[in-house]
Amino acid sequence: MGSVGDCFDNSMIEAFWSRMQIELLDRQRWRTRIEMANAIFEYLEIWHNRRRRHSALGWLSPIEFESNSKIVVA
């Protein structure tokens, strides 16, 4: 992220929302807001933050990146 008021901040969040719209929100309809809120929570906490491959991590999931980056202290 950039500094306060940086125009690039908006493009980053717009890209994120766009991806979530395609991967989650456009795929089904929910009967209640609670169902949708739970689906968004699962998308963020389980899929996006833990399993989804990220370009900034060399196309590894955060868990794969973390396990590859562990430093052994002797």
C-alpha atoms as a PDB file:
ATOM      1  CA  MET A   1       0.000   0.000   0.000  1.00  0.00           C
ATOM      2  CA  GLY A   2       1.088   3.543  -0.609  1.00  0.00           C
ATOM      3  CA  SER A   3       0.952   6.669   1.456  1.00  0.00           C
ATOM      4  CA  VAL A   4      -2.239   8.329   2.694  1.00  0.00           C
ATOM      5  CA  GLY A   5      -4.399   9.427  -0.204  1.00  0.00           C
ATOM      6  CA  ASP A   6      -2.336   7.498  -2.750  1.00  0.00           C
ATOM      7  CA  CYS A   7      -4.303   6.806  -5.933  1.00  0.00           C
ATOM      8  CA  PHE A   8      -2.828   3.304  -6.183  1.00  0.00           C
ATOM      9  CA  ASP A   9      -4.559   2.190  -2.971  1.00  0.00           C
ATOM     10  CA  ASN A  10      -7.937   2.376  -4.693  1.00  0.00           C
ATOM     11  CA  SER A  11      -6.803   0.263  -7.636  1.00  0.00           C
ATOM     12  CA  MET A  12      -5.519  -2.465  -5.295  1.00  0.00           C
ATOM     13  CA  ILE A  13      -8.787  -2.773  -3.396  1.00  0.00           C
ATOM     14  CA  GLU A  14     -10.803  -2.539  -6.618  1.00  0.00           C
ATOM     15  CA  ALA A  15      -8.788  -5.461  -8.012  1.00  0.00           C
ATOM     16  CA  PHE A  16      -9.428  -7.441  -4.822  1.00  0.00           C
ATOM     17  CA  TRP A  17     -13.196  -6.764  -4.857  1.00  0.00           C
ATOM     18  CA  SER A  18     -13.340  -7.620  -8.543  1.00  0.00           C
ATOM     19  CA  ARG A  19     -11.660 -10.969  -7.920  1.00  0.00           C
ATOM     20  CA  MET A  20     -13.971 -11.765  -5.004  1.00  0.00           C
ATOM     21  CA  GLN A  21     -16.976 -10.844  -7.154  1.00  0.00           C
ATOM     22  CA  ILE A  22     -15.879 -13.303  -9.860  1.00  0.00           C
ATOM     23  CA  GLU A  23     -14.730 -16.125  -7.570  1.00  0.00           C
ATOM     24  CA  LEU A  24     -17.551 -15.971  -5.019  1.00  0.00           C
ATOM     25  CA  LEU A  25     -20.398 -13.522  -5.355  1.00  0.00           C
ATOM     26  CA  ASP A  26     -21.332 -14.115  -9.000  1.00  0.00           C
ATOM     27  CA  ARG A  27     -21.493 -17.896  -8.571  1.00  0.00           C
ATOM     28  CA  GLN A  28     -24.610 -18.231  -6.427  1.00  0.00           C
ATOM     29  CA  ARG A  29     -27.425 -16.495  -4.576  1.00  0.00           C
ATOM     30  CA  TRP A  30     -27.872 -16.638  -0.824  1.00  0.00           C
ATOM     31  CA  ARG A  31     -31.217 -16.818   0.951  1.00  0.00           C
ATOM     32  CA  THR A  32     -30.145 -14.588   3.847  1.00  0.00           C
ATOM     33  CA  ARG A  33     -27.550 -11.945   4.582  1.00  0.00           C
ATOM     34  CA  ILE A  34     -26.097 -14.208   7.254  1.00  0.00           C
ATOM     35  CA  GLU A  35     -25.437 -16.949   4.681  1.00  0.00           C
ATOM     36  CA  MET A  36     -23.713 -14.414   2.442  1.00  0.00           C
ATOM     37  CA  ALA A  37     -21.692 -12.992   5.350  1.00  0.00           C
ATOM     38  CA  ASN A  38     -20.553 -16.516   6.271  1.00  0.00           C
ATOM     39  CA  ALA A  39     -19.573 -17.209   2.651  1.00  0.00           C
ATOM     40  CA  ILE A  40     -17.547 -13.984   2.519  1.00  0.00           C
ATOM     41  CA  PHE A  41     -15.865 -14.857   5.828  1.00  0.00           C
ATOM     42  CA  GLU A  42     -14.930 -18.322   4.529  1.00  0.00           C
ATOM     43  CA  TYR A  43     -13.647 -16.833   1.275  1.00  0.00           C
ATOM     44  CA  LEU A  44     -11.416 -14.358   3.104  1.00  0.00           C
ATOM     45  CA  GLU A  45     -10.188 -16.393   6.050  1.00  0.00           C
ATOM     46  CA  ILE A  46      -9.975 -19.869   4.550  1.00  0.00           C
ATOM     47  CA  TRP A  47      -9.544 -19.455   0.803  1.00  0.00           C
ATOM     48  CA  HIS A  48      -7.934 -16.063   0.110  1.00  0.00           C
ATOM     49  CA  ASN A  49      -5.687 -15.734   3.159  1.00  0.00           C
ATOM     50  CA  ARG A  50      -4.551 -19.372   3.430  1.00  0.00           C
ATOM     51  CA  ARG A  51      -4.962 -21.361   0.203  1.00  0.00           C
ATOM     52  CA  ARG A  52      -5.222 -19.028  -2.787  1.00  0.00           C
ATOM     53  CA  ARG A  53      -1.998 -18.639  -4.758  1.00  0.00           C
ATOM     54  CA  HIS A  54      -0.676 -15.069  -4.719  1.00  0.00           C
ATOM     55  CA  SER A  55       1.498 -13.527  -7.419  1.00  0.00           C
ATOM     56  CA  ALA A  56       3.473 -11.569  -4.806  1.00  0.00           C
ATOM     57  CA  LEU A  57       4.508 -14.896  -3.220  1.00  0.00           C
ATOM     58  CA  GLY A  58       5.752 -16.450  -6.444  1.00  0.00           C
ATOM     59  CA  TRP A  59       2.378 -18.080  -7.106  1.00  0.00           C
ATOM     60  CA  LEU A  60       2.486 -20.029  -3.844  1.00  0.00           C
ATOM     61  CA  SER A  61      -0.273 -20.136  -1.272  1.00  0.00           C
ATOM     62  CA  PRO A  62       0.585 -18.296   1.954  1.00  0.00           C
ATOM     63  CA  ILE A  63       0.931 -21.634   3.772  1.00  0.00           C
ATOM     64  CA  GLU A  64       3.312 -23.006   1.109  1.00  0.00           C
ATOM     65  CA  PHE A  65       5.310 -19.775   1.149  1.00  0.00           C
ATOM     66  CA  GLU A  66       5.580 -19.815   4.925  1.00  0.00           C
ATOM     67  CA  SER A  67       6.690 -23.447   5.070  1.00  0.00           C
ATOM     68  CA  ASN A  68       9.329 -22.799   2.380  1.00  0.00           C
ATOM     69  CA  SER A  69      10.582 -19.720   4.217  1.00  0.00           C
ATOM     70  CA  LYS A  70      11.153 -21.197   7.664  1.00  0.00           C
ATOM     71  CA  ILE A  71      14.643 -20.585   8.961  1.00  0.00           C
ATOM     72  CA  VAL A  72      16.271 -23.252  11.098  1.00  0.00           C
ATOM     73  CA  VAL A  73      17.985 -21.744  14.137  1.00  0.00           C
ATOM     74  CA  ALA A  74      20.878 -23.796  15.446  1.00  0.00           C
END
